[in-house]
Amino acid sequence: MDEAAGPQRAYEEFLRAGRFMIQRARRTGEYVFYPRTLSPSGEVDLDWVEASGLGTVYAITVNRRREGAVNVALVDLDEGPRMMTTIAGVETVPIGTRVKARVEAGETPRVVFDPVEEPR
């Protein structure tokens, strides 16, 4: 991983390798997303760790176009950070839906989420 090129480049390299990684401060354990050089609380001792990939839909909106509908969602990761993403394969889901991340391959790999059925 080319950490000298910056956290955004490192994150993109992880995605190209099919890995969803986020940062965590060694001293405090604070998780960080979007990639940056220091945490919101000012920590600079950030390491890359594998994200659990689990989260909860905080908000979602649907953009409808002639080509079809696309959702934009905010997901609260189980580690704490909130990220903007897409819930794949559906137009929308209820707020509070549990979701699981996966890396969608392509020219520009990205993290998308799939709804997860809750155990009854």
C-alpha atoms as a PDB file:
ATOM      1  CA  MET A   1       0.000   0.000   0.000  1.00  0.00           C
ATOM      2  CA  ASP A   2       1.392   3.373  -1.002  1.00  0.00           C
ATOM      3  CA  GLU A   3       0.663   5.273   2.234  1.00  0.00           C
ATOM      4  CA  ALA A   4       3.050   8.066   1.182  1.00  0.00           C
ATOM      5  CA  ALA A   5       0.610   9.006  -1.605  1.00  0.00           C
ATOM      6  CA  GLY A   6      -2.051   9.816   0.985  1.00  0.00           C
ATOM      7  CA  PRO A   7      -5.040   8.167   2.610  1.00  0.00           C
ATOM      8  CA  GLN A   8      -7.383   8.577  -0.368  1.00  0.00           C
ATOM      9  CA  ARG A   9      -4.969   6.727  -2.658  1.00  0.00           C
ATOM     10  CA  ALA A  10      -4.503   3.965  -0.065  1.00  0.00           C
ATOM     11  CA  TYR A  11      -8.303   3.591   0.284  1.00  0.00           C
ATOM     12  CA  GLU A  12      -8.717   3.334  -3.506  1.00  0.00           C
ATOM     13  CA  GLU A  13      -5.967   0.696  -3.688  1.00  0.00           C
ATOM     14  CA  PHE A  14      -7.738  -1.361  -1.018  1.00  0.00           C
ATOM     15  CA  LEU A  15     -10.986  -1.126  -3.017  1.00  0.00           C
ATOM     16  CA  ARG A  16      -9.208  -2.277  -6.184  1.00  0.00           C
ATOM     17  CA  ALA A  17      -8.031  -5.290  -4.172  1.00  0.00           C
ATOM     18  CA  GLY A  18     -11.658  -5.948  -3.120  1.00  0.00           C
ATOM     19  CA  ARG A  19     -11.175  -4.838   0.491  1.00  0.00           C
ATOM     20  CA  PHE A  20     -13.312  -2.352   2.458  1.00  0.00           C
ATOM     21  CA  MET A  21     -10.892  -0.751   4.898  1.00  0.00           C
ATOM     22  CA  ILE A  22     -11.364   2.154   7.291  1.00  0.00           C
ATOM     23  CA  GLN A  23      -8.956   3.918   9.607  1.00  0.00           C
ATOM     24  CA  ARG A  24      -8.711   3.660  13.387  1.00  0.00           C
ATOM     25  CA  ALA A  25      -6.673   5.726  15.833  1.00  0.00           C
ATOM     26  CA  ARG A  26      -4.242   3.517  17.753  1.00  0.00           C
ATOM     27  CA  ARG A  27      -4.367   5.538  20.978  1.00  0.00           C
ATOM     28  CA  THR A  28      -8.137   6.043  21.274  1.00  0.00           C
ATOM     29  CA  GLY A  29      -9.650   3.322  19.076  1.00  0.00           C
ATOM     30  CA  GLU A  30     -11.694   5.992  17.247  1.00  0.00           C
ATOM     31  CA  TYR A  31     -12.792   4.833  13.784  1.00  0.00           C
ATOM     32  CA  VAL A  32     -12.458   7.255  10.876  1.00  0.00           C
ATOM     33  CA  PHE A  33     -14.196   7.432   7.527  1.00  0.00           C
ATOM     34  CA  TYR A  34     -13.700   9.162   4.960  1.00  0.00           C
ATOM     35  CA  PRO A  35      -9.921   8.606   4.625  1.00  0.00           C
ATOM     36  CA  ARG A  36      -7.912  11.456   6.105  1.00  0.00           C
ATOM     37  CA  THR A  37      -4.646  12.261   7.815  1.00  0.00           C
ATOM     38  CA  LEU A  38      -6.163  12.920  11.241  1.00  0.00           C
ATOM     39  CA  SER A  39      -9.301  11.894  13.081  1.00  0.00           C
ATOM     40  CA  PRO A  40     -12.147  14.305  13.927  1.00  0.00           C
ATOM     41  CA  SER A  41     -10.760  14.472  17.487  1.00  0.00           C
ATOM     42  CA  GLY A  42      -7.259  15.299  16.208  1.00  0.00           C
ATOM     43  CA  GLU A  43      -5.548  11.898  16.441  1.00  0.00           C
ATOM     44  CA  VAL A  44      -2.808  11.321  13.850  1.00  0.00           C
ATOM     45  CA  ASP A  45      -1.875   7.704  14.709  1.00  0.00           C
ATOM     46  CA  LEU A  46      -4.251   6.168  12.158  1.00  0.00           C
ATOM     47  CA  ASP A  47      -3.982   2.542  11.038  1.00  0.00           C
ATOM     48  CA  TRP A  48      -6.018   0.763   8.353  1.00  0.00           C
ATOM     49  CA  VAL A  49      -8.369  -1.957   9.617  1.00  0.00           C
ATOM     50  CA  GLU A  50     -10.882  -4.198   7.872  1.00  0.00           C
ATOM     51  CA  ALA A  51     -14.408  -2.823   8.289  1.00  0.00           C
ATOM     52  CA  SER A  52     -17.000  -5.276   9.592  1.00  0.00           C
ATOM     53  CA  GLY A  53     -19.135  -4.226   6.638  1.00  0.00           C
ATOM     54  CA  LEU A  54     -22.264  -4.098   8.772  1.00  0.00           C
ATOM     55  CA  GLY A  55     -24.365  -1.009   9.264  1.00  0.00           C
ATOM     56  CA  THR A  56     -27.800   0.559   9.585  1.00  0.00           C
ATOM     57  CA  VAL A  57     -29.554   2.842   7.107  1.00  0.00           C
ATOM     58  CA  TYR A  58     -29.744   6.314   8.663  1.00  0.00           C
ATOM     59  CA  ALA A  59     -31.367   8.088   5.676  1.00  0.00           C
ATOM     60  CA  ILE A  60     -32.177   7.341   2.044  1.00  0.00           C
ATOM     61  CA  THR A  61     -33.476   9.247  -0.948  1.00  0.00           C
ATOM     62  CA  VAL A  62     -34.343   8.121  -4.465  1.00  0.00           C
ATOM     63  CA  ASN A  63     -33.325  10.011  -7.585  1.00  0.00           C
ATOM     64  CA  ARG A  64     -35.616   9.105 -10.469  1.00  0.00           C
ATOM     65  CA  ARG A  65     -34.406   9.608 -14.026  1.00  0.00           C
ATOM     66  CA  ARG A  66     -35.394   8.334 -17.427  1.00  0.00           C
ATOM     67  CA  GLU A  67     -32.655   5.716 -17.135  1.00  0.00           C
ATOM     68  CA  GLY A  68     -34.167   4.449 -13.885  1.00  0.00           C
ATOM     69  CA  ALA A  69     -34.172   5.106 -10.167  1.00  0.00           C
ATOM     70  CA  VAL A  70     -30.983   5.351  -8.109  1.00  0.00           C
ATOM     71  CA  ASN A  71     -30.881   5.642  -4.331  1.00  0.00           C
ATOM     72  CA  VAL A  72     -28.401   7.579  -2.233  1.00  0.00           C
ATOM     73  CA  ALA A  73     -28.184   6.422   1.369  1.00  0.00           C
ATOM     74  CA  LEU A  74     -26.417   7.386   4.562  1.00  0.00           C
ATOM     75  CA  VAL A  75     -25.333   4.289   6.465  1.00  0.00           C
ATOM     76  CA  ASP A  76     -24.109   4.279  10.044  1.00  0.00           C
ATOM     77  CA  LEU A  77     -21.313   1.720  10.130  1.00  0.00           C
ATOM     78  CA  ASP A  78     -21.265  -0.537  13.191  1.00  0.00           C
ATOM     79  CA  GLU A  79     -17.815   0.955  13.928  1.00  0.00           C
ATOM     80  CA  GLY A  80     -19.378   4.422  14.277  1.00  0.00           C
ATOM     81  CA  PRO A  81     -18.686   6.520  11.159  1.00  0.00           C
ATOM     82  CA  ARG A  82     -21.484   7.422   8.755  1.00  0.00           C
ATOM     83  CA  MET A  83     -20.935   7.055   5.013  1.00  0.00           C
ATOM     84  CA  MET A  84     -22.765   7.986   1.827  1.00  0.00           C
ATOM     85  CA  THR A  85     -23.431   4.999  -0.413  1.00  0.00           C
ATOM     86  CA  THR A  86     -25.993   3.094  -2.469  1.00  0.00           C
ATOM     87  CA  ILE A  87     -28.219   0.217  -1.385  1.00  0.00           C
ATOM     88  CA  ALA A  88     -27.856  -2.206  -4.279  1.00  0.00           C
ATOM     89  CA  GLY A  89     -30.655  -4.077  -5.991  1.00  0.00           C
ATOM     90  CA  VAL A  90     -33.546  -2.091  -4.514  1.00  0.00           C
ATOM     91  CA  GLU A  91     -35.154   1.281  -5.106  1.00  0.00           C
ATOM     92  CA  THR A  92     -35.459   2.053  -1.400  1.00  0.00           C
ATOM     93  CA  VAL A  93     -35.484   0.481   2.062  1.00  0.00           C
ATOM     94  CA  PRO A  94     -36.928   1.617   5.404  1.00  0.00           C
ATOM     95  CA  ILE A  95     -34.801   3.719   7.744  1.00  0.00           C
ATOM     96  CA  GLY A  96     -33.184   1.366  10.255  1.00  0.00           C
ATOM     97  CA  THR A  97     -32.657  -1.478   7.772  1.00  0.00           C
ATOM     98  CA  ARG A  98     -29.551  -3.524   8.525  1.00  0.00           C
ATOM     99  CA  VAL A  99     -27.145  -3.726   5.601  1.00  0.00           C
ATOM    100  CA  LYS A 100     -23.893  -5.476   4.643  1.00  0.00           C
ATOM    101  CA  ALA A 101     -21.155  -3.896   2.541  1.00  0.00           C
ATOM    102  CA  ARG A 102     -19.456  -5.298  -0.514  1.00  0.00           C
ATOM    103  CA  VAL A 103     -16.973  -3.836  -2.932  1.00  0.00           C
ATOM    104  CA  GLU A 104     -18.499  -3.383  -6.362  1.00  0.00           C
ATOM    105  CA  ALA A 105     -15.771  -3.921  -8.950  1.00  0.00           C
ATOM    106  CA  GLY A 106     -15.456  -1.792 -12.044  1.00  0.00           C
ATOM    107  CA  GLU A 107     -13.377   0.987 -13.523  1.00  0.00           C
ATOM    108  CA  THR A 108     -13.832   2.840 -10.226  1.00  0.00           C
ATOM    109  CA  PRO A 109     -14.536   0.281  -7.472  1.00  0.00           C
ATOM    110  CA  ARG A 110     -16.903   1.447  -4.744  1.00  0.00           C
ATOM    111  CA  VAL A 111     -18.579   0.218  -1.576  1.00  0.00           C
ATOM    112  CA  VAL A 112     -22.279  -0.584  -1.915  1.00  0.00           C
ATOM    113  CA  PHE A 113     -24.588  -2.214   0.606  1.00  0.00           C
ATOM    114  CA  ASP A 114     -27.108  -5.035   0.391  1.00  0.00           C
ATOM    115  CA  PRO A 115     -30.081  -5.346   2.773  1.00  0.00           C
ATOM    116  CA  VAL A 116     -29.588  -8.050   5.387  1.00  0.00           C
ATOM    117  CA  GLU A 117     -32.516 -10.037   6.663  1.00  0.00           C
ATOM    118  CA  GLU A 118     -32.771  -9.779  10.432  1.00  0.00           C
ATOM    119  CA  PRO A 119     -33.059 -13.067  12.357  1.00  0.00           C
ATOM    120  CA  ARG A 120     -36.566 -13.568  13.813  1.00  0.00           C
END
